Amino acid sequence: MLMDTARKLAGEIRQSQEYQEYAEAKEIAAGSDTGMALIKEYKKLQIALQMSAMAGGGMPPEEMQRFTQISSLLYAGTDTSRYLLAELRLQKMVGDVLKLVTDAADMQFDLPEGR
């Protein structure tokens, strides 16, 4: 019964406005090989930045500069900006759902502040 509820929740997520906007924005952004290559590099640098912060160190200045430049390019572009913002909204919704589930299971997953 619990797995049936989880499958229903998965279906509801797919029907949510957040997911629908994300899927549409992703499809549009995927039409640009350059935009998708920049998004891939942006995400790679974003993970490196987060890992550096968690390790207590800093990201090398040249990588930080590249991350800043790519961010500026992506958020200046209508399609890539729409995609990244839609992805953030979907991630927030999924994070909120995860928090409800982990709270119900009396489990604690410490997520970074600001979520």
PDB file of N, CA and C in Angstrom:
ATOM      1  N   MET A   1       0.818  -1.192   0.000  1.00  0.00           N
ATOM      2  CA  MET A   1       0.000   0.000   0.000  1.00  0.00           C
ATOM      3  C   MET A   1       0.860   1.254   0.000  1.00  0.00           C
ATOM      4  N   LEU A   2       1.939   1.264   0.742  1.00  0.00           N
ATOM      5  CA  LEU A   2       2.818   2.428   0.789  1.00  0.00           C
ATOM      6  C   LEU A   2       3.423   2.713  -0.580  1.00  0.00           C
ATOM      7  N   MET A   3       3.824   1.661  -1.297  1.00  0.00           N
ATOM      8  CA  MET A   3       4.405   1.860  -2.625  1.00  0.00           C
ATOM      9  C   MET A   3       3.360   2.381  -3.603  1.00  0.00           C
ATOM     10  N   ASP A   4       2.102   1.998  -3.432  1.00  0.00           N
ATOM     11  CA  ASP A   4       1.034   2.543  -4.273  1.00  0.00           C
ATOM     12  C   ASP A   4       0.901   4.044  -4.043  1.00  0.00           C
ATOM     13  N   THR A   5       1.006   4.448  -2.785  1.00  0.00           N
ATOM     14  CA  THR A   5       0.938   5.865  -2.442  1.00  0.00           C
ATOM     15  C   THR A   5       2.131   6.611  -3.047  1.00  0.00           C
ATOM     16  N   ALA A   6       3.310   5.992  -2.987  1.00  0.00           N
ATOM     17  CA  ALA A   6       4.504   6.605  -3.570  1.00  0.00           C
ATOM     18  C   ALA A   6       4.352   6.755  -5.086  1.00  0.00           C
ATOM     19  N   ARG A   7       3.792   5.754  -5.739  1.00  0.00           N
ATOM     20  CA  ARG A   7       3.566   5.829  -7.192  1.00  0.00           C
ATOM     21  C   ARG A   7       2.553   6.931  -7.520  1.00  0.00           C
ATOM     22  N   LYS A   8       1.541   7.060  -6.680  1.00  0.00           N
ATOM     23  CA  LYS A   8       0.550   8.122  -6.881  1.00  0.00           C
ATOM     24  C   LYS A   8       1.212   9.484  -6.718  1.00  0.00           C
ATOM     25  N   LEU A   9       2.062   9.620  -5.718  1.00  0.00           N
ATOM     26  CA  LEU A   9       2.790  10.870  -5.500  1.00  0.00           C
ATOM     27  C   LEU A   9       3.685  11.182  -6.702  1.00  0.00           C
ATOM     28  N   ALA A  10       4.367  10.163  -7.224  1.00  0.00           N
ATOM     29  CA  ALA A  10       5.220  10.360  -8.400  1.00  0.00           C
ATOM     30  C   ALA A  10       4.388  10.873  -9.574  1.00  0.00           C
ATOM     31  N   GLY A  11       3.214  10.312  -9.751  1.00  0.00           N
ATOM     32  CA  GLY A  11       2.326  10.770 -10.814  1.00  0.00           C
ATOM     33  C   GLY A  11       1.864  12.204 -10.597  1.00  0.00           C
ATOM     34  N   GLU A  12       1.576  12.545  -9.356  1.00  0.00           N
ATOM     35  CA  GLU A  12       1.143  13.903  -9.040  1.00  0.00           C
ATOM     36  C   GLU A  12       2.273  14.905  -9.257  1.00  0.00           C
ATOM     37  N   ILE A  13       3.494  14.490  -8.953  1.00  0.00           N
ATOM     38  CA  ILE A  13       4.636  15.370  -9.233  1.00  0.00           C
ATOM     39  C   ILE A  13       4.726  15.626 -10.729  1.00  0.00           C
ATOM     40  N   ARG A  14       4.572  14.577 -11.529  1.00  0.00           N
ATOM     41  CA  ARG A  14       4.623  14.717 -12.997  1.00  0.00           C
ATOM     42  C   ARG A  14       3.503  15.617 -13.517  1.00  0.00           C
ATOM     43  N   GLN A  15       2.393  15.683 -12.793  1.00  0.00           N
ATOM     44  CA  GLN A  15       1.267  16.523 -13.211  1.00  0.00           C
ATOM     45  C   GLN A  15       1.341  17.937 -12.637  1.00  0.00           C
ATOM     46  N   SER A  16       2.292  18.172 -11.740  1.00  0.00           N
ATOM     47  CA  SER A  16       2.377  19.477 -11.083  1.00  0.00           C
ATOM     48  C   SER A  16       2.792  20.575 -12.051  1.00  0.00           C
ATOM     49  N   GLN A  17       2.410  21.770 -11.725  1.00  0.00           N
ATOM     50  CA  GLN A  17       2.785  22.934 -12.532  1.00  0.00           C
ATOM     51  C   GLN A  17       4.303  23.080 -12.581  1.00  0.00           C
ATOM     52  N   GLU A  18       4.971  22.833 -11.450  1.00  0.00           N
ATOM     53  CA  GLU A  18       6.428  22.946 -11.399  1.00  0.00           C
ATOM     54  C   GLU A  18       7.091  21.994 -12.393  1.00  0.00           C
ATOM     55  N   TYR A  19       6.615  20.751 -12.410  1.00  0.00           N
ATOM     56  CA  TYR A  19       7.209  19.775 -13.324  1.00  0.00           C
ATOM     57  C   TYR A  19       6.886  20.122 -14.771  1.00  0.00           C
ATOM     58  N   GLN A  20       5.647  20.497 -15.036  1.00  0.00           N
ATOM     59  CA  GLN A  20       5.242  20.829 -16.401  1.00  0.00           C
ATOM     60  C   GLN A  20       6.070  21.991 -16.951  1.00  0.00           C
ATOM     61  N   GLU A  21       6.264  23.023 -16.139  1.00  0.00           N
ATOM     62  CA  GLU A  21       7.078  24.167 -16.568  1.00  0.00           C
ATOM     63  C   GLU A  21       8.533  23.743 -16.778  1.00  0.00           C
ATOM     64  N   TYR A  22       9.039  22.904 -15.895  1.00  0.00           N
ATOM     65  CA  TYR A  22      10.409  22.407 -16.024  1.00  0.00           C
ATOM     66  C   TYR A  22      10.577  21.601 -17.312  1.00  0.00           C
ATOM     67  N   ALA A  23       9.671  20.675 -17.562  1.00  0.00           N
ATOM     68  CA  ALA A  23       9.778  19.820 -18.745  1.00  0.00           C
ATOM     69  C   ALA A  23       9.723  20.648 -20.027  1.00  0.00           C
ATOM     70  N   GLU A  24       8.839  21.628 -20.057  1.00  0.00           N
ATOM     71  CA  GLU A  24       8.726  22.489 -21.238  1.00  0.00           C
ATOM     72  C   GLU A  24       9.990  23.327 -21.428  1.00  0.00           C
ATOM     73  N   ALA A  25      10.491  23.913 -20.342  1.00  0.00           N
ATOM     74  CA  ALA A  25      11.695  24.736 -20.421  1.00  0.00           C
ATOM     75  C   ALA A  25      12.915  23.898 -20.800  1.00  0.00           C
ATOM     76  N   LYS A  26      12.977  22.690 -20.290  1.00  0.00           N
ATOM     77  CA  LYS A  26      14.095  21.798 -20.608  1.00  0.00           C
ATOM     78  C   LYS A  26      14.087  21.445 -22.092  1.00  0.00           C
ATOM     79  N   GLU A  27      12.915  21.157 -22.627  1.00  0.00           N
ATOM     80  CA  GLU A  27      12.802  20.812 -24.049  1.00  0.00           C
ATOM     81  C   GLU A  27      13.251  21.986 -24.927  1.00  0.00           C
ATOM     82  N   ILE A  28      12.840  23.188 -24.564  1.00  0.00           N
ATOM     83  CA  ILE A  28      13.235  24.369 -25.332  1.00  0.00           C
ATOM     84  C   ILE A  28      14.745  24.589 -25.231  1.00  0.00           C
ATOM     85  N   ALA A  29      15.290  24.508 -24.014  1.00  0.00           N
ATOM     86  CA  ALA A  29      16.730  24.710 -23.816  1.00  0.00           C
ATOM     87  C   ALA A  29      17.532  23.640 -24.544  1.00  0.00           C
ATOM     88  N   ALA A  30      17.012  22.434 -24.617  1.00  0.00           N
ATOM     89  CA  ALA A  30      17.715  21.338 -25.278  1.00  0.00           C
ATOM     90  C   ALA A  30      17.867  21.571 -26.778  1.00  0.00           C
ATOM     91  N   GLY A  31      17.112  22.519 -27.314  1.00  0.00           N
ATOM     92  CA  GLY A  31      17.213  22.846 -28.730  1.00  0.00           C
ATOM     93  C   GLY A  31      18.498  23.568 -29.090  1.00  0.00           C
ATOM     94  N   SER A  32      19.227  24.006 -28.088  1.00  0.00           N
ATOM     95  CA  SER A  32      20.487  24.715 -28.320  1.00  0.00           C
ATOM     96  C   SER A  32      21.649  23.890 -27.777  1.00  0.00           C
ATOM     97  N   ASP A  33      22.468  23.379 -28.684  1.00  0.00           N
ATOM     98  CA  ASP A  33      23.636  22.607 -28.246  1.00  0.00           C
ATOM     99  C   ASP A  33      24.570  23.462 -27.400  1.00  0.00           C
ATOM    100  N   THR A  34      24.742  24.719 -27.786  1.00  0.00           N
ATOM    101  CA  THR A  34      25.612  25.629 -27.033  1.00  0.00           C
ATOM    102  C   THR A  34      25.054  25.876 -25.639  1.00  0.00           C
ATOM    103  N   GLY A  35      23.752  26.149 -25.576  1.00  0.00           N
ATOM    104  CA  GLY A  35      23.118  26.392 -24.273  1.00  0.00           C
ATOM    105  C   GLY A  35      23.229  25.190 -23.362  1.00  0.00           C
ATOM    106  N   MET A  36      22.999  24.004 -23.899  1.00  0.00           N
ATOM    107  CA  MET A  36      23.081  22.792 -23.075  1.00  0.00           C
ATOM    108  C   MET A  36      24.518  22.517 -22.638  1.00  0.00           C
ATOM    109  N   ALA A  37      25.483  22.800 -23.501  1.00  0.00           N
ATOM    110  CA  ALA A  37      26.890  22.624 -23.119  1.00  0.00           C
ATOM    111  C   ALA A  37      27.251  23.577 -21.988  1.00  0.00           C
ATOM    112  N   LEU A  38      26.753  24.815 -22.057  1.00  0.00           N
ATOM    113  CA  LEU A  38      27.001  25.780 -20.982  1.00  0.00           C
ATOM    114  C   LEU A  38      26.320  25.343 -19.688  1.00  0.00           C
ATOM    115  N   ILE A  39      25.104  24.822 -19.792  1.00  0.00           N
ATOM    116  CA  ILE A  39      24.389  24.341 -18.600  1.00  0.00           C
ATOM    117  C   ILE A  39      25.160  23.184 -17.959  1.00  0.00           C
ATOM    118  N   LYS A  40      25.657  22.277 -18.779  1.00  0.00           N
ATOM    119  CA  LYS A  40      26.422  21.142 -18.258  1.00  0.00           C
ATOM    120  C   LYS A  40      27.680  21.629 -17.537  1.00  0.00           C
ATOM    121  N   GLU A  41      28.390  22.565 -18.130  1.00  0.00           N
ATOM    122  CA  GLU A  41      29.599  23.118 -17.503  1.00  0.00           C
ATOM    123  C   GLU A  41      29.247  23.884 -16.231  1.00  0.00           C
ATOM    124  N   TYR A  42      28.164  24.642 -16.264  1.00  0.00           N
ATOM    125  CA  TYR A  42      27.694  25.395 -15.103  1.00  0.00           C
ATOM    126  C   TYR A  42      27.418  24.460 -13.931  1.00  0.00           C
ATOM    127  N   LYS A  43      26.706  23.362 -14.200  1.00  0.00           N
ATOM    128  CA  LYS A  43      26.374  22.407 -13.136  1.00  0.00           C
ATOM    129  C   LYS A  43      27.629  21.729 -12.591  1.00  0.00           C
ATOM    130  N   LYS A  44      28.569  21.415 -13.470  1.00  0.00           N
ATOM    131  CA  LYS A  44      29.831  20.812 -13.037  1.00  0.00           C
ATOM    132  C   LYS A  44      30.585  21.768 -12.108  1.00  0.00           C
ATOM    133  N   LEU A  45      30.663  23.041 -12.501  1.00  0.00           N
ATOM    134  CA  LEU A  45      31.345  24.032 -11.666  1.00  0.00           C
ATOM    135  C   LEU A  45      30.571  24.303 -10.379  1.00  0.00           C
ATOM    136  N   GLN A  46      29.249  24.254 -10.446  1.00  0.00           N
ATOM    137  CA  GLN A  46      28.417  24.465  -9.262  1.00  0.00           C
ATOM    138  C   GLN A  46      28.680  23.386  -8.219  1.00  0.00           C
ATOM    139  N   ILE A  47      28.774  22.148  -8.665  1.00  0.00           N
ATOM    140  CA  ILE A  47      29.071  21.040  -7.752  1.00  0.00           C
ATOM    141  C   ILE A  47      30.469  21.208  -7.152  1.00  0.00           C
ATOM    142  N   ALA A  48      31.428  21.589  -7.984  1.00  0.00           N
ATOM    143  CA  ALA A  48      32.793  21.803  -7.483  1.00  0.00           C
ATOM    144  C   ALA A  48      32.817  22.916  -6.443  1.00  0.00           C
ATOM    145  N   LEU A  49      32.057  23.962  -6.677  1.00  0.00           N
ATOM    146  CA  LEU A  49      31.975  25.074  -5.729  1.00  0.00           C
ATOM    147  C   LEU A  49      31.368  24.618  -4.409  1.00  0.00           C
ATOM    148  N   GLN A  50      30.295  23.844  -4.486  1.00  0.00           N
ATOM    149  CA  GLN A  50      29.642  23.340  -3.277  1.00  0.00           C
ATOM    150  C   GLN A  50      30.562  22.399  -2.505  1.00  0.00           C
ATOM    151  N   MET A  51      31.271  21.543  -3.218  1.00  0.00           N
ATOM    152  CA  MET A  51      32.184  20.612  -2.549  1.00  0.00           C
ATOM    153  C   MET A  51      33.339  21.360  -1.903  1.00  0.00           C
ATOM    154  N   SER A  52      33.839  22.396  -2.565  1.00  0.00           N
ATOM    155  CA  SER A  52      34.907  23.209  -1.985  1.00  0.00           C
ATOM    156  C   SER A  52      34.431  23.892  -0.713  1.00  0.00           C
ATOM    157  N   ALA A  53      33.211  24.403  -0.760  1.00  0.00           N
ATOM    158  CA  ALA A  53      32.649  25.073   0.419  1.00  0.00           C
ATOM    159  C   ALA A  53      32.470  24.094   1.569  1.00  0.00           C
ATOM    160  N   MET A  54      31.999  22.873   1.269  1.00  0.00           N
ATOM    161  CA  MET A  54      31.805  21.865   2.315  1.00  0.00           C
ATOM    162  C   MET A  54      33.135  21.427   2.907  1.00  0.00           C
ATOM    163  N   ALA A  55      34.182  21.427   2.098  1.00  0.00           N
ATOM    164  CA  ALA A  55      35.500  21.016   2.571  1.00  0.00           C
ATOM    165  C   ALA A  55      36.200  22.148   3.320  1.00  0.00           C
ATOM    166  N   GLY A  56      35.567  23.318   3.315  1.00  0.00           N
ATOM    167  CA  GLY A  56      36.148  24.442   4.033  1.00  0.00           C
ATOM    168  C   GLY A  56      37.185  25.198   3.232  1.00  0.00           C
ATOM    169  N   GLY A  57      37.358  24.839   2.014  1.00  0.00           N
ATOM    170  CA  GLY A  57      38.329  25.527   1.166  1.00  0.00           C
ATOM    171  C   GLY A  57      37.627  26.427   0.179  1.00  0.00           C
ATOM    172  N   GLY A  58      38.426  27.030  -0.643  1.00  0.00           N
ATOM    173  CA  GLY A  58      37.853  27.884  -1.672  1.00  0.00           C
ATOM    174  C   GLY A  58      38.097  27.290  -3.037  1.00  0.00           C
ATOM    175  N   MET A  59      37.290  27.703  -3.945  1.00  0.00           N
ATOM    176  CA  MET A  59      37.435  27.273  -5.327  1.00  0.00           C
ATOM    177  C   MET A  59      38.589  28.074  -5.940  1.00  0.00           C
ATOM    178  N   PRO A  60      39.409  27.448  -6.788  1.00  0.00           N
ATOM    179  CA  PRO A  60      40.476  28.206  -7.446  1.00  0.00           C
ATOM    180  C   PRO A  60      39.890  29.425  -8.167  1.00  0.00           C
ATOM    181  N   PRO A  61      40.574  30.561  -8.100  1.00  0.00           N
ATOM    182  CA  PRO A  61      40.034  31.803  -8.677  1.00  0.00           C
ATOM    183  C   PRO A  61      39.634  31.696 -10.151  1.00  0.00           C
ATOM    184  N   GLU A  62      40.405  30.949 -10.932  1.00  0.00           N
ATOM    185  CA  GLU A  62      40.064  30.840 -12.358  1.00  0.00           C
ATOM    186  C   GLU A  62      38.760  30.067 -12.560  1.00  0.00           C
ATOM    187  N   GLU A  63      38.519  29.059 -11.726  1.00  0.00           N
ATOM    188  CA  GLU A  63      37.266  28.312 -11.827  1.00  0.00           C
ATOM    189  C   GLU A  63      36.093  29.163 -11.338  1.00  0.00           C
ATOM    190  N   MET A  64      36.330  29.943 -10.296  1.00  0.00           N
ATOM    191  CA  MET A  64      35.285  30.827  -9.780  1.00  0.00           C
ATOM    192  C   MET A  64      34.924  31.874 -10.830  1.00  0.00           C
ATOM    193  N   GLN A  65      35.925  32.404 -11.510  1.00  0.00           N
ATOM    194  CA  GLN A  65      35.681  33.389 -12.562  1.00  0.00           C
ATOM    195  C   GLN A  65      34.893  32.749 -13.715  1.00  0.00           C
ATOM    196  N   ARG A  66      35.260  31.532 -14.077  1.00  0.00           N
ATOM    197  CA  ARG A  66      34.550  30.822 -15.151  1.00  0.00           C
ATOM    198  C   ARG A  66      33.099  30.567 -14.743  1.00  0.00           C
ATOM    199  N   PHE A  67      32.888  30.163 -13.498  1.00  0.00           N
ATOM    200  CA  PHE A  67      31.529  29.933 -13.002  1.00  0.00           C
ATOM    201  C   PHE A  67      30.709  31.221 -13.090  1.00  0.00           C
ATOM    202  N   THR A  68      31.284  32.325 -12.688  1.00  0.00           N
ATOM    203  CA  THR A  68      30.602  33.616 -12.727  1.00  0.00           C
ATOM    204  C   THR A  68      30.265  34.012 -14.163  1.00  0.00           C
ATOM    205  N   GLN A  69      31.205  33.811 -15.070  1.00  0.00           N
ATOM    206  CA  GLN A  69      30.971  34.164 -16.471  1.00  0.00           C
ATOM    207  C   GLN A  69      29.865  33.304 -17.082  1.00  0.00           C
ATOM    208  N   ILE A  70      29.926  32.007 -16.833  1.00  0.00           N
ATOM    209  CA  ILE A  70      28.905  31.114 -17.379  1.00  0.00           C
ATOM    210  C   ILE A  70      27.541  31.434 -16.772  1.00  0.00           C
ATOM    211  N   SER A  71      27.509  31.721 -15.472  1.00  0.00           N
ATOM    212  CA  SER A  71      26.243  32.089 -14.817  1.00  0.00           C
ATOM    213  C   SER A  71      25.635  33.307 -15.491  1.00  0.00           C
ATOM    214  N   SER A  72      26.466  34.304 -15.742  1.00  0.00           N
ATOM    215  CA  SER A  72      25.982  35.528 -16.385  1.00  0.00           C
ATOM    216  C   SER A  72      25.403  35.230 -17.762  1.00  0.00           C
ATOM    217  N   LEU A  73      26.097  34.404 -18.520  1.00  0.00           N
ATOM    218  CA  LEU A  73      25.619  34.048 -19.859  1.00  0.00           C
ATOM    219  C   LEU A  73      24.286  33.302 -19.790  1.00  0.00           C
ATOM    220  N   LEU A  74      24.217  32.324 -18.888  1.00  0.00           N
ATOM    221  CA  LEU A  74      23.009  31.500 -18.797  1.00  0.00           C
ATOM    222  C   LEU A  74      21.801  32.293 -18.320  1.00  0.00           C
ATOM    223  N   TYR A  75      21.989  33.130 -17.312  1.00  0.00           N
ATOM    224  CA  TYR A  75      20.857  33.871 -16.779  1.00  0.00           C
ATOM    225  C   TYR A  75      20.480  35.068 -17.647  1.00  0.00           C
ATOM    226  N   ALA A  76      21.361  35.434 -18.589  1.00  0.00           N
ATOM    227  CA  ALA A  76      21.024  36.487 -19.550  1.00  0.00           C
ATOM    228  C   ALA A  76      20.196  35.922 -20.699  1.00  0.00           C
ATOM    229  N   GLY A  77      20.349  34.645 -20.963  1.00  0.00           N
ATOM    230  CA  GLY A  77      19.599  34.003 -22.047  1.00  0.00           C
ATOM    231  C   GLY A  77      18.202  33.636 -21.587  1.00  0.00           C
ATOM    232  N   THR A  78      17.211  33.941 -22.386  1.00  0.00           N
ATOM    233  CA  THR A  78      15.824  33.697 -22.013  1.00  0.00           C
ATOM    234  C   THR A  78      15.540  32.212 -21.796  1.00  0.00           C
ATOM    235  N   ASP A  79      15.926  31.367 -22.748  1.00  0.00           N
ATOM    236  CA  ASP A  79      15.613  29.940 -22.652  1.00  0.00           C
ATOM    237  C   ASP A  79      16.394  29.252 -21.535  1.00  0.00           C
ATOM    238  N   THR A  80      17.689  29.548 -21.431  1.00  0.00           N
ATOM    239  CA  THR A  80      18.495  28.901 -20.394  1.00  0.00           C
ATOM    240  C   THR A  80      18.106  29.400 -19.010  1.00  0.00           C
ATOM    241  N   SER A  81      17.813  30.671 -18.893  1.00  0.00           N
ATOM    242  CA  SER A  81      17.385  31.221 -17.604  1.00  0.00           C
ATOM    243  C   SER A  81      16.060  30.596 -17.177  1.00  0.00           C
ATOM    244  N   ARG A  82      15.136  30.500 -18.103  1.00  0.00           N
ATOM    245  CA  ARG A  82      13.833  29.894 -17.802  1.00  0.00           C
ATOM    246  C   ARG A  82      14.007  28.453 -17.335  1.00  0.00           C
ATOM    247  N   TYR A  83      14.871  27.710 -18.012  1.00  0.00           N
ATOM    248  CA  TYR A  83      15.129  26.317 -17.653  1.00  0.00           C
ATOM    249  C   TYR A  83      15.716  26.218 -16.237  1.00  0.00           C
ATOM    250  N   LEU A  84      16.755  27.001 -15.962  1.00  0.00           N
ATOM    251  CA  LEU A  84      17.413  26.915 -14.655  1.00  0.00           C
ATOM    252  C   LEU A  84      16.480  27.332 -13.519  1.00  0.00           C
ATOM    253  N   LEU A  85      15.686  28.367 -13.743  1.00  0.00           N
ATOM    254  CA  LEU A  85      14.745  28.802 -12.705  1.00  0.00           C
ATOM    255  C   LEU A  85      13.629  27.777 -12.491  1.00  0.00           C
ATOM    256  N   ALA A  86      13.157  27.168 -13.579  1.00  0.00           N
ATOM    257  CA  ALA A  86      12.136  26.120 -13.453  1.00  0.00           C
ATOM    258  C   ALA A  86      12.705  24.916 -12.711  1.00  0.00           C
ATOM    259  N   GLU A  87      13.962  24.592 -12.992  1.00  0.00           N
ATOM    260  CA  GLU A  87      14.610  23.477 -12.300  1.00  0.00           C
ATOM    261  C   GLU A  87      14.725  23.762 -10.804  1.00  0.00           C
ATOM    262  N   LEU A  88      15.071  24.996 -10.446  1.00  0.00           N
ATOM    263  CA  LEU A  88      15.157  25.367  -9.029  1.00  0.00           C
ATOM    264  C   LEU A  88      13.809  25.233  -8.326  1.00  0.00           C
ATOM    265  N   ARG A  89      12.740  25.668  -8.994  1.00  0.00           N
ATOM    266  CA  ARG A  89      11.398  25.555  -8.387  1.00  0.00           C
ATOM    267  C   ARG A  89      11.011  24.085  -8.194  1.00  0.00           C
ATOM    268  N   LEU A  90      11.322  23.247  -9.181  1.00  0.00           N
ATOM    269  CA  LEU A  90      11.022  21.820  -9.065  1.00  0.00           C
ATOM    270  C   LEU A  90      11.850  21.187  -7.946  1.00  0.00           C
ATOM    271  N   GLN A  91      13.126  21.537  -7.860  1.00  0.00           N
ATOM    272  CA  GLN A  91      13.974  21.008  -6.794  1.00  0.00           C
ATOM    273  C   GLN A  91      13.452  21.414  -5.421  1.00  0.00           C
ATOM    274  N   LYS A  92      12.976  22.637  -5.301  1.00  0.00           N
ATOM    275  CA  LYS A  92      12.431  23.086  -4.016  1.00  0.00           C
ATOM    276  C   LYS A  92      11.198  22.268  -3.645  1.00  0.00           C
ATOM    277  N   MET A  93      10.309  22.048  -4.625  1.00  0.00           N
ATOM    278  CA  MET A  93       9.109  21.261  -4.349  1.00  0.00           C
ATOM    279  C   MET A  93       9.488  19.848  -3.920  1.00  0.00           C
ATOM    280  N   VAL A  94      10.393  19.217  -4.646  1.00  0.00           N
ATOM    281  CA  VAL A  94      10.814  17.852  -4.313  1.00  0.00           C
ATOM    282  C   VAL A  94      11.494  17.840  -2.937  1.00  0.00           C
ATOM    283  N   GLY A  95      12.278  18.861  -2.638  1.00  0.00           N
ATOM    284  CA  GLY A  95      12.907  18.967  -1.320  1.00  0.00           C
ATOM    285  C   GLY A  95      11.877  19.088  -0.203  1.00  0.00           C
ATOM    286  N   ASP A  96      10.819  19.848  -0.463  1.00  0.00           N
ATOM    287  CA  ASP A  96       9.742  19.988   0.529  1.00  0.00           C
ATOM    288  C   ASP A  96       9.047  18.646   0.766  1.00  0.00           C
ATOM    289  N   VAL A  97       8.820  17.895  -0.325  1.00  0.00           N
ATOM    290  CA  VAL A  97       8.206  16.567  -0.204  1.00  0.00           C
ATOM    291  C   VAL A  97       9.136  15.641   0.579  1.00  0.00           C
ATOM    292  N   LEU A  98      10.421  15.666   0.256  1.00  0.00           N
ATOM    293  CA  LEU A  98      11.391  14.826   0.969  1.00  0.00           C
ATOM    294  C   LEU A  98      11.395  15.156   2.461  1.00  0.00           C
ATOM    295  N   LYS A  99      11.299  16.432   2.794  1.00  0.00           N
ATOM    296  CA  LYS A  99      11.277  16.823   4.204  1.00  0.00           C
ATOM    297  C   LYS A  99      10.047  16.248   4.904  1.00  0.00           C
ATOM    298  N   LEU A 100       8.905  16.310   4.253  1.00  0.00           N
ATOM    299  CA  LEU A 100       7.692  15.735   4.852  1.00  0.00           C
ATOM    300  C   LEU A 100       7.850  14.239   5.101  1.00  0.00           C
ATOM    301  N   VAL A 101       8.410  13.538   4.130  1.00  0.00           N
ATOM    302  CA  VAL A 101       8.586  12.089   4.258  1.00  0.00           C
ATOM    303  C   VAL A 101       9.602  11.758   5.345  1.00  0.00           C
ATOM    304  N   THR A 102      10.733  12.447   5.355  1.00  0.00           N
ATOM    305  CA  THR A 102      11.751  12.141   6.366  1.00  0.00           C
ATOM    306  C   THR A 102      11.288  12.530   7.762  1.00  0.00           C
ATOM    307  N   ASP A 103      10.518  13.605   7.865  1.00  0.00           N
ATOM    308  CA  ASP A 103       9.959  13.970   9.172  1.00  0.00           C
ATOM    309  C   ASP A 103       8.988  12.889   9.656  1.00  0.00           C
ATOM    310  N   ALA A 104       8.175  12.368   8.736  1.00  0.00           N
ATOM    311  CA  ALA A 104       7.217  11.316   9.109  1.00  0.00           C
ATOM    312  C   ALA A 104       7.938  10.052   9.551  1.00  0.00           C
ATOM    313  N   ALA A 105       9.114   9.800   8.976  1.00  0.00           N
ATOM    314  CA  ALA A 105       9.896   8.613   9.334  1.00  0.00           C
ATOM    315  C   ALA A 105      10.822   8.891  10.505  1.00  0.00           C
ATOM    316  N   ASP A 106      10.711  10.077  11.077  1.00  0.00           N
ATOM    317  CA  ASP A 106      11.546  10.495  12.203  1.00  0.00           C
ATOM    318  C   ASP A 106      13.034  10.387  11.852  1.00  0.00           C
ATOM    319  N   MET A 107      13.332  10.769  10.619  1.00  0.00           N
ATOM    320  CA  MET A 107      14.716  10.785  10.150  1.00  0.00           C
ATOM    321  C   MET A 107      15.097  12.236   9.902  1.00  0.00           C
ATOM    322  N   GLN A 108      16.384  12.508   9.989  1.00  0.00           N
ATOM    323  CA  GLN A 108      16.819  13.876   9.760  1.00  0.00           C
ATOM    324  C   GLN A 108      17.907  13.902   8.697  1.00  0.00           C
ATOM    325  N   PHE A 109      17.668  14.674   7.667  1.00  0.00           N
ATOM    326  CA  PHE A 109      18.665  14.922   6.634  1.00  0.00           C
ATOM    327  C   PHE A 109      18.926  16.421   6.660  1.00  0.00           C
ATOM    328  N   ASP A 110      20.120  16.777   7.029  1.00  0.00           N
ATOM    329  CA  ASP A 110      20.446  18.198   7.088  1.00  0.00           C
ATOM    330  C   ASP A 110      20.732  18.725   5.690  1.00  0.00           C
ATOM    331  N   LEU A 111      19.846  19.594   5.219  1.00  0.00           N
ATOM    332  CA  LEU A 111      20.024  20.237   3.934  1.00  0.00           C
ATOM    333  C   LEU A 111      20.591  21.625   4.176  1.00  0.00           C
ATOM    334  N   PRO A 112      21.298  22.181   3.198  1.00  0.00           N
ATOM    335  CA  PRO A 112      21.831  23.527   3.371  1.00  0.00           C
ATOM    336  C   PRO A 112      20.708  24.517   3.658  1.00  0.00           C
ATOM    337  N   GLU A 113      21.014  25.526   4.440  1.00  0.00           N
ATOM    338  CA  GLU A 113      20.028  26.560   4.764  1.00  0.00           C
ATOM    339  C   GLU A 113      19.612  27.267   3.493  1.00  0.00           C
ATOM    340  N   GLY A 114      18.453  27.898   3.541  1.00  0.00           N
ATOM    341  CA  GLY A 114      17.954  28.647   2.403  1.00  0.00           C
ATOM    342  C   GLY A 114      16.999  27.855   1.547  1.00  0.00           C
ATOM    343  N   ARG A 115      16.779  26.611   1.878  1.00  0.00           N
ATOM    344  CA  ARG A 115      15.833  25.805   1.096  1.00  0.00           C
ATOM    345  C   ARG A 115      14.443  26.058   1.590  1.00  0.00           C
TER     346      ARG A 115
END
